[in-house]
Protein backbone atom coordinates (compact mmCIF):
# COMPACT_ATOMS: atom_id res chain seq x y z
CA MET A 1 8.81 -10.02 -29.92
CA THR A 2 5.61 -8.62 -31.35
CA THR A 3 3.96 -8.34 -27.95
CA PHE A 4 7.03 -6.52 -26.52
CA LYS A 5 7.09 -4.04 -29.36
CA ALA A 6 3.39 -3.48 -29.13
CA GLY A 7 3.68 -2.76 -25.54
CA TRP A 8 6.22 -0.07 -26.07
CA ARG A 9 4.03 1.50 -28.76
CA ILE A 10 1.25 1.61 -26.21
CA VAL A 11 3.65 3.20 -23.69
CA PHE A 12 4.61 5.97 -26.11
CA ALA A 13 1.00 6.37 -27.18
CA HIS A 14 0.26 7.65 -23.60
CA LYS A 15 2.42 10.72 -23.95
CA LEU A 16 0.27 12.66 -21.45
CA TYR A 17 0.94 10.07 -18.71
CA LEU A 18 4.63 10.08 -19.49
CA ALA A 19 4.77 13.91 -19.31
CA ILE A 20 2.74 14.16 -16.17
CA TYR A 21 3.95 11.17 -14.09
CA ILE A 22 7.46 10.57 -15.28
CA VAL A 23 8.73 14.04 -16.13
CA TRP A 24 6.57 16.66 -14.39
CA LEU A 25 5.97 14.78 -11.11
CA TYR A 26 9.63 14.04 -10.73
CA ALA A 27 10.49 17.71 -11.59
CA MET A 28 8.21 18.76 -8.67
CA MET A 29 9.96 16.33 -6.34
CA VAL A 30 13.32 17.62 -7.36
CA MET A 31 12.21 21.21 -6.58
CA MET A 32 10.88 20.09 -3.24
CA SER A 33 14.05 18.34 -2.33
CA ALA A 34 16.40 21.13 -3.56
CA ALA A 35 16.15 23.03 -0.30
CA VAL A 36 16.78 19.99 1.80
CA VAL A 37 19.79 19.10 -0.38
CA ASN A 38 21.13 22.68 -0.14
CA ASN A 39 20.86 22.73 3.62
CA SER A 40 22.49 19.24 3.83
CA VAL A 41 25.36 20.22 1.54
CA HIS A 42 26.07 23.72 2.94
CA GLN A 43 25.48 22.89 6.53
CA SER A 44 27.39 25.11 8.96
CA ASP A 45 30.51 23.66 10.46
CA ASP A 46 31.69 26.42 12.80
CA GLY A 47 30.72 24.44 15.82
CA ILE A 48 28.92 27.38 17.47
CA PHE A 49 25.32 27.33 18.71
CA SER A 50 23.44 30.37 17.56
CA GLU A 51 20.78 31.47 19.98
CA ALA A 52 17.29 32.11 18.50
CA LYS A 53 16.12 35.71 18.91
CA ALA A 54 12.62 36.46 20.06
CA SER A 55 10.55 39.58 19.48
CA VAL A 56 9.57 40.82 22.91
CA ALA A 57 7.31 43.60 24.19
CA VAL A 58 7.35 44.80 27.87
CA VAL A 59 4.15 46.44 29.05
CA ASN A 60 4.31 48.29 32.39
CA ARG A 61 1.22 48.76 34.52
CA ASP A 62 3.03 49.65 37.77
CA ASP A 63 3.10 53.48 37.92
CA THR A 64 5.59 53.67 40.80
CA GLU A 65 9.14 54.76 40.27
CA ALA A 66 10.43 51.32 41.13
CA GLY A 67 7.97 49.77 38.76
CA HIS A 68 9.21 52.04 35.89
CA GLU A 69 12.79 51.09 36.67
CA LEU A 70 11.91 47.36 36.79
CA ALA A 71 10.28 47.53 33.40
CA SER A 72 13.10 49.58 31.94
CA SER A 73 15.65 47.08 33.20
CA LEU A 74 13.64 44.20 31.89
CA ARG A 75 13.65 45.78 28.43
CA GLY A 76 17.42 46.20 28.64
CA TYR A 77 17.82 42.61 29.79
CA PHE A 78 15.86 41.34 26.75
CA ALA A 79 17.67 43.66 24.38
CA VAL A 80 20.99 41.86 24.90
CA SER A 81 19.89 38.81 23.04
CA ASN A 82 16.37 39.53 21.66
CA THR A 83 14.52 42.17 19.76
CA VAL A 84 12.47 44.55 21.91
CA ILE A 85 9.30 46.04 20.42
CA ASP A 86 7.27 48.92 21.74
CA LEU A 87 3.38 48.32 22.06
CA GLN A 88 0.63 50.47 23.45
CA ASP A 89 -1.12 48.98 26.44
CA ARG A 90 -4.46 48.46 24.70
CA PRO A 91 -6.23 45.07 24.57
CA THR A 92 -6.75 45.24 20.88
CA VAL A 93 -3.15 46.16 20.09
CA LEU A 94 -1.80 43.38 22.28
CA GLN A 95 -4.19 40.70 20.84
CA ASN A 96 -3.47 41.77 17.27
CA ALA A 97 0.37 41.71 17.94
CA VAL A 98 0.19 38.13 19.19
CA ALA A 99 -2.39 36.92 16.64
CA THR A 100 -0.28 38.19 13.76
CA ASP A 101 3.03 36.87 15.14
CA HIS A 102 4.33 40.51 15.34
CA VAL A 103 5.70 39.68 18.78
CA ASP A 104 6.68 36.15 20.27
CA LEU A 105 6.29 37.29 23.85
CA ILE A 106 4.59 40.01 25.79
CA ALA A 107 5.76 40.51 29.42
CA ILE A 108 3.24 42.46 31.54
CA VAL A 109 4.37 44.08 34.85
CA PRO A 110 1.12 44.26 36.93
CA GLU A 111 0.10 47.07 39.14
CA GLY A 112 1.90 47.05 42.50
CA TYR A 113 4.39 44.49 41.37
CA ALA A 114 7.51 46.31 42.55
CA SER A 115 6.10 46.46 46.12
CA ASP A 116 5.11 42.82 46.06
CA PHE A 117 8.59 41.82 44.79
CA ILE A 118 10.36 43.73 47.51
CA LYS A 119 8.23 42.17 50.22
CA ALA A 120 8.80 38.69 48.87
CA CYS A 121 12.57 39.19 48.90
CA GLU A 122 12.52 40.65 52.44
CA GLN A 123 10.31 37.79 53.79
CA GLY A 124 12.11 35.03 51.87
CA THR A 125 8.99 33.93 50.05
CA ALA A 126 8.58 33.06 46.37
CA VAL A 127 8.62 36.20 44.18
CA PRO A 128 5.41 36.96 42.18
CA LYS A 129 5.23 36.10 38.60
CA ILE A 130 5.23 38.60 35.73
CA GLY A 131 2.32 38.12 33.40
CA THR A 132 3.23 36.77 29.93
CA VAL A 133 1.43 36.25 26.62
CA THR A 134 3.12 33.94 24.23
CA SER A 135 2.44 33.41 20.51
CA TYR A 136 1.12 29.88 20.06
CA SER A 137 3.30 29.31 17.02
CA SER A 138 6.53 30.52 18.58
CA GLY A 139 9.12 28.36 20.41
CA ALA A 140 11.26 31.40 20.89
CA GLY A 141 8.61 33.06 22.97
CA THR A 142 8.52 30.12 25.31
CA MET A 143 12.25 30.39 25.79
CA GLY A 144 11.77 34.10 26.52
CA ARG A 145 9.64 33.26 29.46
CA MET A 146 12.54 31.39 30.93
CA GLU A 147 14.64 34.57 30.59
CA ILE A 148 12.13 36.46 32.73
CA ASP A 149 12.59 33.87 35.47
CA SER A 150 16.30 34.22 35.20
CA PHE A 151 16.11 38.07 35.41
CA LEU A 152 13.94 37.91 38.54
CA SER A 153 16.06 35.22 40.21
CA ASN A 154 19.25 37.18 39.62
CA MET A 155 17.56 40.40 41.02
CA ARG A 156 16.49 38.61 44.12
CA ILE A 157 19.95 37.24 44.73
CA SER A 158 21.48 40.69 44.24
CA MET A 159 19.04 42.32 46.64
CA THR A 160 19.41 39.63 49.24
CA ALA A 161 23.26 39.95 49.08
CA ALA A 162 23.00 43.74 49.50
CA LYS A 163 20.25 43.54 52.15
CA THR A 164 18.58 46.56 50.69
CA PHE A 165 14.80 45.82 50.54
CA ASP A 166 13.44 49.07 49.15
CA GLY A 167 12.78 50.82 45.82
CA SER A 168 16.29 52.13 45.31
CA GLY A 169 17.84 48.73 46.23
CA MET A 170 15.59 46.99 43.74
CA ALA A 171 16.57 49.54 41.03
CA LYS A 172 20.24 48.93 41.65
CA ALA A 173 19.75 45.14 41.57
CA ALA A 174 17.82 45.42 38.29
CA LYS A 175 20.57 47.59 36.71
CA ARG A 176 23.29 45.13 37.97
CA THR A 177 21.44 42.24 36.44
CA VAL A 178 21.38 43.86 33.06
CA GLU A 179 25.04 44.84 33.26
CA ASP A 180 26.04 41.37 34.13
CA LYS A 181 24.11 39.88 31.05
CA ARG A 182 25.78 42.47 28.83
CA ALA A 183 29.21 41.71 30.14
CA ALA A 184 28.58 37.86 29.66
CA ALA A 185 27.45 38.51 26.13
CA ALA A 186 30.47 40.65 25.24
CA SER A 187 32.91 38.11 26.71
CA GLY A 188 31.23 35.23 24.81
CA GLU A 189 30.31 33.28 27.91
CA ASN A 190 26.74 32.75 26.66
CA LYS A 191 27.95 30.90 23.46
CA VAL A 192 27.74 27.18 23.34
CA ALA A 193 30.49 25.14 21.68
CA VAL A 194 29.42 21.91 20.01
CA VAL A 195 31.89 19.16 21.00
CA LYS A 196 32.36 16.32 18.53
CA GLY A 197 32.86 12.99 20.21
CA ASP A 198 34.68 11.03 17.48
CA GLU A 199 36.39 13.04 14.76
CA GLY A 200 35.67 11.80 11.33
CA LYS A 201 32.47 9.95 12.22
CA GLY A 202 30.06 12.80 11.49
CA VAL A 203 27.59 12.68 8.69
CA VAL A 204 29.14 13.68 5.30
CA PRO A 205 27.69 16.99 4.10
CA GLY A 206 24.96 16.31 1.49
CA LEU A 207 24.47 12.67 2.45
CA THR A 208 21.11 13.21 4.19
CA GLY A 209 19.93 15.34 1.19
CA PHE A 210 20.91 12.56 -1.18
CA ALA A 211 19.12 9.95 0.92
CA PHE A 212 15.98 12.14 1.12
CA THR A 213 15.85 12.69 -2.72
CA VAL A 214 16.34 8.97 -3.35
CA LYS A 215 13.68 8.04 -0.89
CA LEU A 216 11.15 10.15 -2.86
CA VAL A 217 11.51 7.61 -5.62
CA ALA A 218 9.18 5.28 -3.72
CA TYR A 219 6.31 7.73 -3.94
CA LEU A 220 7.10 8.56 -7.62
CA ALA A 221 7.38 4.85 -8.54
CA PHE A 222 4.04 3.85 -7.00
CA THR A 223 2.26 6.59 -8.86
CA ALA A 224 4.09 6.93 -12.21
CA VAL A 225 5.30 3.41 -12.87
CA THR A 226 2.17 1.78 -11.44
CA VAL A 227 -0.25 3.81 -13.49
CA ILE A 228 1.61 3.42 -16.84
CA ILE A 229 2.24 -0.30 -16.42
CA ALA A 230 -1.30 -0.94 -15.41
CA VAL A 231 -2.75 0.98 -18.32
CA VAL A 232 -0.40 -0.72 -20.77
CA LEU A 233 -1.08 -4.29 -19.52
CA SER A 234 -4.81 -3.53 -19.36
CA ALA A 235 -4.66 -3.08 -23.14
CA PHE A 236 -3.70 -6.66 -23.47
CA GLY A 237 -6.27 -7.84 -20.87
CA GLY A 238 -9.52 -6.94 -22.62
CA ALA A 239 -11.76 -9.87 -23.52
CA GLU A 240 -11.63 -9.24 -27.28
CA ARG A 241 -7.84 -8.87 -27.27
CA ARG A 242 -7.50 -12.07 -25.18
CA ARG A 243 -9.55 -14.04 -27.68
CA ARG A 244 -7.30 -12.72 -30.50
CA LEU A 245 -4.25 -13.64 -28.62
CA ASP A 246 -5.60 -17.17 -27.92
CA VAL A 247 -5.81 -17.97 -31.65
CA THR A 248 -2.30 -16.74 -32.60
CA ALA A 249 0.62 -18.97 -33.23
CA THR A 250 2.50 -17.42 -30.24
CA SER A 251 2.11 -19.47 -27.09
CA PRO A 252 0.62 -17.75 -24.00
CA ARG A 253 3.87 -18.37 -22.15
CA ARG A 254 5.92 -16.34 -24.66
CA ILE A 255 3.32 -13.55 -24.61
CA GLY A 256 3.56 -13.54 -20.83
CA LEU A 257 7.30 -13.46 -20.95
CA GLN A 258 7.28 -10.54 -23.34
CA GLN A 259 4.95 -8.65 -21.09
CA ILE A 260 7.37 -9.29 -18.14
CA LEU A 261 10.26 -8.09 -20.31
CA LEU A 262 8.31 -4.96 -21.05
CA CYS A 263 7.80 -4.30 -17.38
CA VAL A 264 11.47 -4.90 -16.62
CA THR A 265 12.80 -2.71 -19.41
CA PHE A 266 10.42 0.06 -18.68
CA SER A 267 11.44 -0.06 -15.07
CA MET A 268 15.08 0.05 -16.02
CA ALA A 269 14.47 3.18 -18.20
CA VAL A 270 12.70 4.96 -15.36
CA TRP A 271 15.41 3.84 -12.93
CA ALA A 272 18.22 5.19 -15.13
CA LEU A 273 16.38 8.54 -15.54
CA TYR A 274 15.78 9.04 -11.88
CA MET A 275 19.35 8.04 -10.85
CA LEU A 276 20.80 10.42 -13.45
CA VAL A 277 18.67 13.35 -12.39
CA THR A 278 19.29 12.72 -8.68
CA CYS A 279 23.11 12.62 -9.19
CA CYS A 280 22.91 15.81 -11.30
CA LEU A 281 20.96 17.56 -8.61
CA MET A 282 23.60 16.63 -5.97
CA ALA A 283 26.36 17.87 -8.26
CA VAL A 284 24.53 21.19 -8.95
CA CYS A 285 23.96 21.69 -5.22
CA GLY A 286 27.69 21.36 -4.59
CA MET A 287 27.96 17.88 -3.14
CA ASP A 288 31.17 16.03 -3.75
CA LEU A 289 29.77 12.70 -5.29
CA ARG A 290 33.12 11.05 -4.42
CA VAL A 291 32.25 10.93 -0.73
CA ILE A 292 30.06 7.93 -1.39
CA SER A 293 31.86 4.76 -2.05
CA ALA A 294 31.18 2.55 -5.16
CA GLY A 295 29.58 0.03 -2.90
CA GLY A 296 27.23 2.69 -1.48
CA TYR A 297 26.12 3.71 -4.94
CA ALA A 298 25.63 0.13 -5.83
CA MET A 299 23.45 -0.64 -2.91
CA VAL A 300 21.35 2.56 -3.39
CA ALA A 301 21.01 1.77 -7.18
CA MET A 302 19.77 -1.69 -6.49
CA ALA A 303 17.36 -0.57 -3.78
CA VAL A 304 15.96 2.08 -6.17
CA PHE A 305 15.54 -0.46 -8.91
CA SER A 306 13.89 -2.91 -6.57
CA VAL A 307 11.20 -0.43 -5.51
CA ILE A 308 10.51 0.62 -9.11
CA LEU A 309 10.28 -3.02 -10.18
CA VAL A 310 7.85 -3.78 -7.32
CA SER A 311 5.70 -0.78 -8.32
CA ALA A 312 5.62 -2.24 -11.86
CA CYS A 313 4.45 -5.52 -10.21
CA PHE A 314 1.78 -3.52 -8.43
CA GLY A 315 0.68 -2.15 -11.77
CA TYR A 316 0.34 -5.63 -13.03
CA LEU A 317 -1.82 -6.48 -10.13
CA LEU A 318 -4.14 -3.58 -10.80
CA SER A 319 -4.39 -4.57 -14.42
CA ALA A 320 -5.32 -8.08 -13.37
CA PHE A 321 -8.31 -6.67 -11.59
CA GLY A 322 -9.49 -5.20 -14.88
CA MET A 323 -9.75 -1.62 -13.36
CA SER A 324 -10.53 1.40 -15.51
CA GLU A 325 -7.82 4.11 -16.08
CA ASN A 326 -9.54 6.44 -13.59
CA ALA A 327 -9.72 3.66 -10.96
CA VAL A 328 -6.04 2.81 -11.61
CA ASN A 329 -5.02 6.47 -11.19
CA GLY A 330 -6.97 6.74 -7.92
CA VAL A 331 -5.57 3.68 -6.33
CA ALA A 332 -1.98 4.40 -7.38
CA ASN A 333 -2.14 7.90 -5.96
CA VAL A 334 -3.65 6.78 -2.69
CA VAL A 335 -1.10 4.05 -2.22
CA GLY A 336 1.76 6.45 -3.18
CA LEU A 337 0.51 8.99 -0.49
CA ALA A 338 0.20 6.27 2.08
CA ILE A 339 3.75 5.21 1.39
CA MET A 340 5.03 8.83 1.58
CA PHE A 341 3.43 9.53 4.95
CA THR A 342 4.12 6.17 6.65
CA SER A 343 7.54 5.18 5.32
CA GLY A 344 9.66 7.89 7.07
CA MET A 345 10.45 9.94 3.99
CA ALA A 346 8.11 12.78 4.85
CA PHE A 347 8.52 12.75 8.64
CA SER A 348 11.16 11.64 10.92
CA VAL A 349 10.45 8.13 12.37
CA SER A 350 10.89 9.61 15.84
CA LEU A 351 7.91 11.99 15.22
CA MET A 352 5.55 9.28 13.86
CA PRO A 353 2.88 7.64 16.07
CA GLN A 354 3.04 3.93 16.51
CA ALA A 355 -0.02 3.43 14.44
CA MET A 356 1.57 5.05 11.36
CA ILE A 357 4.75 2.98 11.90
CA THR A 358 2.76 -0.21 11.93
CA ILE A 359 0.91 0.78 8.74
CA GLY A 360 4.16 1.69 7.18
CA LYS A 361 5.71 -1.70 7.90
CA LEU A 362 2.84 -3.36 5.94
CA LEU A 363 3.88 -1.40 2.84
CA PRO A 364 7.06 -1.77 0.84
CA GLY A 365 8.02 1.89 1.11
CA TRP A 366 9.03 1.51 4.81
CA TRP A 367 11.51 -1.22 4.03
CA TYR A 368 12.87 0.65 1.03
CA CYS A 369 13.58 3.84 3.10
CA VAL A 370 15.21 1.73 5.79
CA SER A 371 17.46 0.02 3.17
CA ILE A 372 18.64 3.43 1.90
CA ASP A 373 19.48 4.50 5.41
CA LYS A 374 21.47 1.34 5.95
CA ALA A 375 23.17 1.67 2.55
CA LEU A 376 24.27 5.20 3.35
CA GLY A 377 24.57 5.06 7.18
CA VAL A 378 22.03 7.82 7.82
CA GLY A 379 18.69 8.29 9.46
CA THR A 380 17.61 5.16 11.24
CA ALA A 381 21.05 3.58 10.66
CA SER A 382 24.13 4.73 12.67
CA SER A 383 26.46 3.25 10.14
CA VAL A 384 26.55 1.34 6.81
CA ASP A 385 24.99 -2.18 7.25
CA VAL A 386 25.30 -4.31 4.25
CA ALA A 387 23.56 -7.33 5.76
CA GLY A 388 20.66 -5.21 6.97
CA TRP A 389 20.42 -3.54 3.52
CA ALA A 390 20.23 -6.92 1.83
CA TYR A 391 17.54 -8.07 4.22
CA ASP A 392 15.33 -5.04 3.76
CA THR A 393 15.76 -4.95 -0.05
CA GLY A 394 14.79 -8.57 -0.10
CA LEU A 395 11.65 -7.75 1.74
CA VAL A 396 10.87 -5.12 -0.78
CA LEU A 397 11.23 -7.63 -3.63
CA LEU A 398 9.00 -10.12 -1.79
CA PHE A 399 6.18 -7.56 -2.08
CA GLY A 400 6.76 -7.72 -5.76
CA VAL A 401 6.50 -11.51 -5.76
CA ALA A 402 3.28 -11.30 -3.80
CA PHE A 403 1.78 -8.77 -6.23
CA VAL A 404 2.61 -10.97 -9.17
CA CYS A 405 1.20 -14.08 -7.58
CA LEU A 406 -2.04 -12.36 -6.73
CA GLY A 407 -2.16 -10.87 -10.22
CA LEU A 408 -1.72 -14.32 -11.79
CA GLY A 409 -4.48 -15.69 -9.64
CA PHE A 410 -6.98 -13.05 -10.54
CA SER A 411 -6.04 -13.21 -14.23
CA ARG A 412 -6.74 -16.94 -14.14
CA LEU A 413 -9.99 -16.43 -12.37
CA ARG A 414 -11.16 -13.84 -14.87
CA SER A 415 -10.17 -16.09 -17.74
CA GLU A 416 -12.19 -18.99 -16.40
CA ARG A 417 -15.14 -16.76 -16.08
CA GLY A 418 -14.70 -15.54 -19.57
CA GLU A 419 -14.40 -11.87 -18.66
């Protein structure tokens, strides 16, 4: 077991790598996932949809009495469910308010609008539009524009029903529209109840946060484990060290087996650390760990170990190339980031373009994340799928087999060349 012990001594000799990749990097990932876990654990269950509030400013450029009444009623209409802000009608002020996200929506009543609106209602033609400026980063502002259309539509219906096509009739219709909205808000008619189709089939609070945290292990493994294993095995791969190993009494097969044992035991140590910290994070955030069955934990644990083991195999492949430490760090980080952004852990699969999905399926991270979903019944899986989990985990392990075979081939090639 001399090679095995020497390997562990080399591991502990790289204390900086252990501190940065194994401890600090995972601590950063835990801090990143803490917010997701908290939102997942403490998700609201009141069944009521809360309407987003927009910051709205109404600018009136119609100096007629009807125009002032229209603008005042529009402010009152918005005030029922939004925040109304006063702005001076100066180009610089309006531009700065939108550019700095001080307002989500600016509604501008143009000159002569009240007269044009009354004529359109009397003639039965389409009512003129009120000018709007929306913040590019605000979805609430876009929804606010729909409220303007609703306000004008209700005003037109009220005026048509009363058959009063003049300034006073428009003022009464505007006030009535605001009063109707206030009455609806007071009675709760504008609240939306979320109806659950099948009781008991909802996602368990905290489950999505647990899945997200576990998926991050793929990125960590392909940076931390890959780098450390590659650096350690490279220590045995130098030409001078290989010549010394060739003249020892220990057979090359035993040396190779001890190196494999080193990779497996190091992977198990990292796996145990990551699983322990992940479960502790869930408990600290308030998740009831008993909601996941023993089988679910077993499938997740095996999937996590498989991706860590495959990352160790990838480290072996990099060591077989004879790369320097800087090159190993660069390759491992690039592959780790590629896995993070194409596997579905950083973005929802529904938001990813087809090109990213195609690239993701060529890397083990995609199949690892899918296996976690199927083990827990979240994300891309509608329910727990044991057969699907076994299939995807097997594909992850096949990547490891491919990495080892390629590494053996390059090692033999370098040995024949005497490198």
